[in-house]
């Protein structure tokens, strides 16, 4: 009295963000009519048309099973646990003209035949149902059946941390060079002092006289610069206040670094000679 079901499992192809329909065929191989019902474990997710009916002997009925559209596509590895149940019962001669509702109400549960159908989620139509396999390209073989190495070396990879570290190191080296530049004159003076420590007193006196002459020349040059800057400032009395303030500041700057180094050198020489 049982019916034949085709297919044995319902496979729905992705995507599931739209309605997906499959056909379930119920065939009656018996010599008497059969009443059937289709039930599901997820009635809100599926729509079955028709969900009940009658199948004449040797005939079949197509049942449309529609999977409702989902708001979000489930992950590819999702396993569907939904199931369908097809119940069938024979229609005897005394119930030939009775409606289906009265037949199911009066039937005994022991006489109901049941067949279960499970649901599976499949990949989109036109693609293989199995998982995609990624194959790495094979390396060419050399003459001795060994794998040949590539002609060009792969590009070196540098992480963002290494790049930030190199940037910080270059920045620190630049700052260190900038700090060392103003100290170059003082370093030259210190080296000259260490080299002159082995000279005789006469040679030191000669160098002292030369240094005094250089200091006098530098003072004269500085006086000349100040006079020229003062004259230019008086000629440009009609210029902007910002330019005038810049000129006054540039004319009243402190002692140059070279002059300070020479004075330090002279002080050291005097202390070395007389003390």
Protein backbone atom coordinates (compact mmCIF):
# COMPACT_ATOMS: atom_id res chain seq x y z
CA UNK A 1 0.00 0.00 0.00
CA UNK A 2 3.01 2.28 0.15
CA UNK A 3 3.76 4.83 -2.56
CA UNK A 4 6.93 5.38 -4.57
CA UNK A 5 8.81 8.61 -3.94
CA UNK A 6 11.14 10.32 -6.42
CA UNK A 7 13.64 11.68 -5.52
CA UNK A 8 14.64 9.99 -2.30
CA UNK A 9 16.12 13.28 -1.02
CA UNK A 10 15.40 16.90 -1.91
CA UNK A 11 18.41 18.90 -3.05
CA UNK A 12 18.11 22.69 -3.24
CA UNK A 13 20.73 24.64 -5.20
CA UNK A 14 22.15 27.94 -4.01
CA UNK A 15 21.63 30.90 -3.80
CA UNK A 16 19.00 30.82 -1.07
CA UNK A 17 18.32 34.55 -0.99
CA UNK A 18 15.61 33.85 -3.58
CA UNK A 19 12.92 31.18 -3.72
CA UNK A 20 14.14 27.75 -4.82
CA UNK A 21 11.66 25.14 -6.07
CA UNK A 22 11.98 21.37 -6.42
CA UNK A 23 9.50 18.75 -7.59
CA UNK A 24 8.58 15.69 -5.54
CA UNK A 25 6.83 12.88 -7.48
CA UNK A 26 4.48 10.52 -5.65
CA UNK A 27 3.53 7.42 -7.64
CA UNK A 28 0.85 4.87 -6.75
CA UNK A 29 1.87 1.34 -7.91
CA UNK A 30 -1.15 -0.30 -6.21
CA UNK A 31 -4.52 -1.37 -7.66
CA UNK A 32 -6.56 0.95 -5.43
CA UNK A 33 -6.45 4.72 -4.83
CA UNK A 34 -4.11 6.21 -2.26
CA UNK A 35 -4.51 9.34 -0.11
CA UNK A 36 -1.31 11.12 0.83
CA UNK A 37 -0.05 13.94 3.04
CA UNK A 38 3.27 15.80 2.97
CA UNK A 39 4.64 17.16 6.26
CA UNK A 40 7.88 18.94 7.13
CA UNK A 41 9.92 19.74 10.23
CA UNK A 42 10.18 23.41 9.12
CA UNK A 43 6.69 24.48 7.99
CA UNK A 44 7.61 28.20 8.03
CA UNK A 45 10.58 27.66 5.70
CA UNK A 46 8.87 25.56 3.01
CA UNK A 47 5.73 25.83 0.94
CA UNK A 48 4.25 22.53 -0.35
CA UNK A 49 1.66 22.52 -3.18
CA UNK A 50 -0.38 20.41 -2.84
CA UNK A 51 0.35 19.19 0.66
CA UNK A 52 -2.30 16.48 0.45
CA UNK A 53 -4.27 14.69 -2.25
CA UNK A 54 -5.30 11.47 -3.95
CA UNK A 55 -3.37 9.31 -6.37
CA UNK A 56 -5.22 6.91 -8.66
CA UNK A 57 -3.83 3.42 -9.33
CA UNK A 58 -0.80 3.49 -11.63
CA UNK A 59 -0.71 7.29 -11.64
CA UNK A 60 1.63 9.83 -10.08
CA UNK A 61 1.28 13.32 -8.65
CA UNK A 62 3.85 16.09 -8.78
CA UNK A 63 4.24 18.08 -5.58
CA UNK A 64 6.06 21.44 -5.73
CA UNK A 65 8.28 22.06 -2.71
CA UNK A 66 9.36 25.71 -2.48
CA UNK A 67 12.17 26.86 -0.18
CA UNK A 68 11.36 30.39 0.98
CA UNK A 69 13.94 33.13 0.37
CA UNK A 70 16.38 33.63 3.24
CA UNK A 71 17.55 37.02 4.46
CA UNK A 72 21.16 35.89 4.48
CA UNK A 73 23.01 33.19 2.57
CA UNK A 74 24.07 30.36 4.92
CA UNK A 75 27.76 29.37 5.00
CA UNK A 76 28.92 26.89 2.33
CA UNK A 77 29.56 24.14 4.91
CA UNK A 78 26.07 24.38 6.43
CA UNK A 79 24.34 21.02 6.83
CA UNK A 80 20.57 21.12 6.50
CA UNK A 81 18.67 19.13 9.08
CA UNK A 82 15.20 19.66 7.60
CA UNK A 83 13.14 16.59 6.71
CA UNK A 84 9.89 15.78 4.93
CA UNK A 85 7.45 13.03 5.79
CA UNK A 86 5.10 11.51 3.17
CA UNK A 87 2.15 9.68 4.72
CA UNK A 88 -0.08 7.47 2.61
CA UNK A 89 -3.15 5.39 3.27
CA UNK A 90 -5.32 3.17 1.06
CA UNK A 91 -8.81 4.33 0.13
CA UNK A 92 -11.19 1.38 0.49
CA UNK A 93 -14.46 0.94 -1.40
CA UNK A 94 -16.62 2.23 1.44
CA UNK A 95 -14.64 5.50 1.43
CA UNK A 96 -14.51 5.94 -2.31
CA UNK A 97 -16.62 9.07 -2.31
CA UNK A 98 -15.58 10.45 1.11
CA UNK A 99 -13.51 13.60 1.32
CA UNK A 100 -9.87 13.42 2.32
CA UNK A 101 -10.35 15.12 5.69
CA UNK A 102 -12.87 12.50 6.84
CA UNK A 103 -10.64 9.70 5.57
CA UNK A 104 -7.67 10.90 7.65
CA UNK A 105 -9.87 11.46 10.70
CA UNK A 106 -11.29 7.93 10.61
CA UNK A 107 -8.11 6.07 9.73
CA UNK A 108 -6.12 4.10 12.26
CA UNK A 109 -2.51 5.12 12.80
CA UNK A 110 -1.28 1.56 12.35
CA UNK A 111 -2.51 1.53 8.74
CA UNK A 112 -0.62 4.72 7.76
CA UNK A 113 2.51 4.20 5.65
CA UNK A 114 5.30 6.74 6.09
CA UNK A 115 8.42 7.61 4.12
CA UNK A 116 11.01 10.16 5.21
CA UNK A 117 12.87 12.47 2.84
CA UNK A 118 15.84 14.50 3.95
CA UNK A 119 16.92 17.90 2.54
CA UNK A 120 20.42 18.79 1.35
CA UNK A 121 21.89 22.15 0.29
CA UNK A 122 23.77 22.03 -3.01
CA UNK A 123 26.16 24.40 -4.73
CA UNK A 124 24.83 26.68 -7.50
CA UNK A 125 23.61 24.91 -10.60
CA UNK A 126 26.33 24.37 -13.19
CA UNK A 127 29.12 23.87 -10.63
CA UNK A 128 30.40 20.66 -9.07
CA UNK A 129 28.61 19.63 -5.90
CA UNK A 130 31.86 18.69 -4.17
CA UNK A 131 34.23 21.05 -2.53
CA UNK A 132 36.52 22.97 -4.83
CA UNK A 133 40.08 21.64 -4.89
CA UNK A 134 42.94 24.03 -5.41
CA UNK A 135 45.96 22.57 -7.15
CA UNK A 136 49.36 24.17 -6.98
CA UNK A 137 51.15 24.47 -10.32
CA UNK A 138 53.78 21.77 -10.80
CA UNK A 139 57.37 22.86 -11.19
CA UNK A 140 59.16 22.03 -14.42
CA UNK A 141 61.48 19.03 -14.29
CA UNK A 142 65.12 19.28 -15.24
CA UNK A 143 66.96 16.79 -17.45
CA UNK A 144 67.75 14.49 -14.48
CA UNK A 145 64.07 14.34 -13.38
CA UNK A 146 64.68 16.77 -10.56
CA UNK A 147 62.63 19.86 -9.94
CA UNK A 148 64.15 22.88 -11.61
CA UNK A 149 64.55 26.02 -9.56
CA UNK A 150 62.93 29.22 -10.88
CA UNK A 151 65.10 31.54 -12.95
CA UNK A 152 64.31 34.63 -10.89
CA UNK A 153 64.32 34.83 -7.12
CA UNK A 154 61.00 35.70 -5.46
CA UNK A 155 60.61 39.30 -4.31
CA UNK A 156 61.69 39.97 -0.76
CA UNK A 157 58.92 40.53 1.70
CA UNK A 158 59.13 43.32 4.23
CA UNK A 159 56.60 43.54 6.98
CA UNK A 160 55.07 46.89 8.07
CA UNK A 161 56.96 46.61 11.36
CA UNK A 162 60.33 46.37 9.59
CA UNK A 163 59.43 49.30 7.37
CA UNK A 164 58.48 51.43 10.36
CA UNK A 165 61.72 50.46 12.13
CA UNK A 166 63.85 51.43 9.12
CA UNK A 167 62.03 54.76 8.88
CA UNK A 168 62.67 55.42 12.57
CA UNK A 169 66.37 54.51 12.22
CA UNK A 170 66.83 56.82 9.22
CA UNK A 171 65.09 59.63 11.09
CA UNK A 172 67.26 59.17 14.16
CA UNK A 173 70.44 59.11 12.05
CA UNK A 174 69.38 62.35 10.33
CA UNK A 175 68.74 64.03 13.68
CA UNK A 176 72.12 62.84 14.98
CA UNK A 177 73.89 64.28 11.93
CA UNK A 178 72.10 67.60 12.45
CA UNK A 179 73.23 67.66 16.09
CA UNK A 180 76.82 66.86 15.17
CA UNK A 181 77.15 69.69 12.59
CA UNK A 182 77.22 72.62 15.09
CA UNK A 183 79.80 70.76 17.17
CA UNK A 184 82.24 70.29 14.29
CA UNK A 185 84.12 73.58 14.95
CA UNK A 186 84.48 72.82 18.65
CA UNK A 187 85.70 69.33 17.78
CA UNK A 188 88.34 70.75 15.43
CA UNK A 189 89.50 73.11 18.17
CA UNK A 190 89.74 70.21 20.65
CA UNK A 191 91.77 68.16 18.16
CA UNK A 192 94.06 71.09 17.48
CA UNK A 193 94.55 71.57 21.22
CA UNK A 194 95.47 67.91 21.68
CA UNK A 195 97.91 68.12 18.77
CA UNK A 196 99.51 71.37 20.07
CA UNK A 197 100.10 69.99 23.55
CA UNK A 198 103.43 68.55 22.35
CA UNK A 199 104.73 71.82 20.86
CA UNK A 200 107.49 73.97 22.33
CA UNK A 201 106.72 77.27 24.13
CA UNK A 202 108.09 79.35 21.19
CA UNK A 203 105.80 77.66 18.73
CA UNK A 204 102.88 78.14 21.06
CA UNK A 205 103.67 81.87 21.37
CA UNK A 206 103.74 82.22 17.58
CA UNK A 207 100.41 80.48 17.26
CA UNK A 208 99.03 82.69 20.02
CA UNK A 209 100.14 85.82 18.11
CA UNK A 210 98.54 84.51 14.93
CA UNK A 211 95.35 83.73 16.80
CA UNK A 212 95.25 87.28 18.21
CA UNK A 213 95.62 88.66 14.71
CA UNK A 214 92.77 86.45 13.47
CA UNK A 215 90.61 87.61 16.37
CA UNK A 216 91.35 91.26 15.59
CA UNK A 217 90.52 90.67 11.90
CA UNK A 218 87.28 88.95 12.84
CA UNK A 219 86.32 91.82 15.12
CA UNK A 220 86.95 94.31 12.33
CA UNK A 221 84.88 92.25 9.92
CA UNK A 222 82.10 92.03 12.48
CA UNK A 223 82.18 95.82 13.02
CA UNK A 224 81.96 96.34 9.26
CA UNK A 225 79.01 93.98 9.00
CA UNK A 226 77.19 95.72 11.79
CA UNK A 227 77.75 99.12 10.19
CA UNK A 228 76.49 97.89 6.81
CA UNK A 229 73.46 96.27 8.39
CA UNK A 230 72.68 99.44 10.34
CA UNK A 231 72.94 101.53 7.16
CA UNK A 232 70.68 99.16 5.24
CA UNK A 233 68.19 99.26 8.11
CA UNK A 234 68.07 103.10 7.97
CA UNK A 235 67.56 103.00 4.17
CA UNK A 236 64.68 100.61 4.54
CA UNK A 237 62.85 102.57 7.24
CA UNK A 238 59.72 102.49 5.11
CA UNK A 239 59.67 98.68 4.90
CA UNK A 240 57.34 96.47 6.90
CA UNK A 241 57.76 96.23 10.71
CA UNK A 242 58.40 92.49 10.46
CA UNK A 243 61.34 92.97 8.06
CA UNK A 244 62.79 95.76 10.26
CA UNK A 245 62.61 93.53 13.35
CA UNK A 246 64.31 90.72 11.42
CA UNK A 247 67.14 93.08 10.36
CA UNK A 248 67.69 94.29 13.95
CA UNK A 249 67.77 90.71 15.21
CA UNK A 250 70.26 89.65 12.55
CA UNK A 251 72.52 92.66 13.43
CA UNK A 252 72.52 91.91 17.13
CA UNK A 253 73.26 88.21 17.01
CA UNK A 254 75.70 86.65 19.47
CA UNK A 255 79.33 85.72 18.95
CA UNK A 256 79.88 83.32 16.02
CA UNK A 257 80.81 79.72 16.74
CA UNK A 258 84.27 80.05 15.13
CA UNK A 259 85.10 83.09 17.26
CA UNK A 260 84.00 81.26 20.41
CA UNK A 261 86.15 78.28 19.47
CA UNK A 262 89.19 80.48 18.91
CA UNK A 263 88.64 82.26 22.24
CA UNK A 264 88.46 78.91 23.98
CA UNK A 265 91.68 77.87 22.28
CA UNK A 266 93.45 81.09 23.36
CA UNK A 267 92.23 80.69 26.91
CA UNK A 268 93.60 77.18 27.01
CA UNK A 269 96.94 78.27 25.57
CA UNK A 270 97.28 81.12 28.07
CA UNK A 271 96.47 78.76 30.94
CA UNK A 272 98.97 76.25 29.59
CA UNK A 273 101.79 78.81 29.23
CA UNK A 274 101.41 80.84 32.39
CA UNK A 275 99.97 78.40 34.87
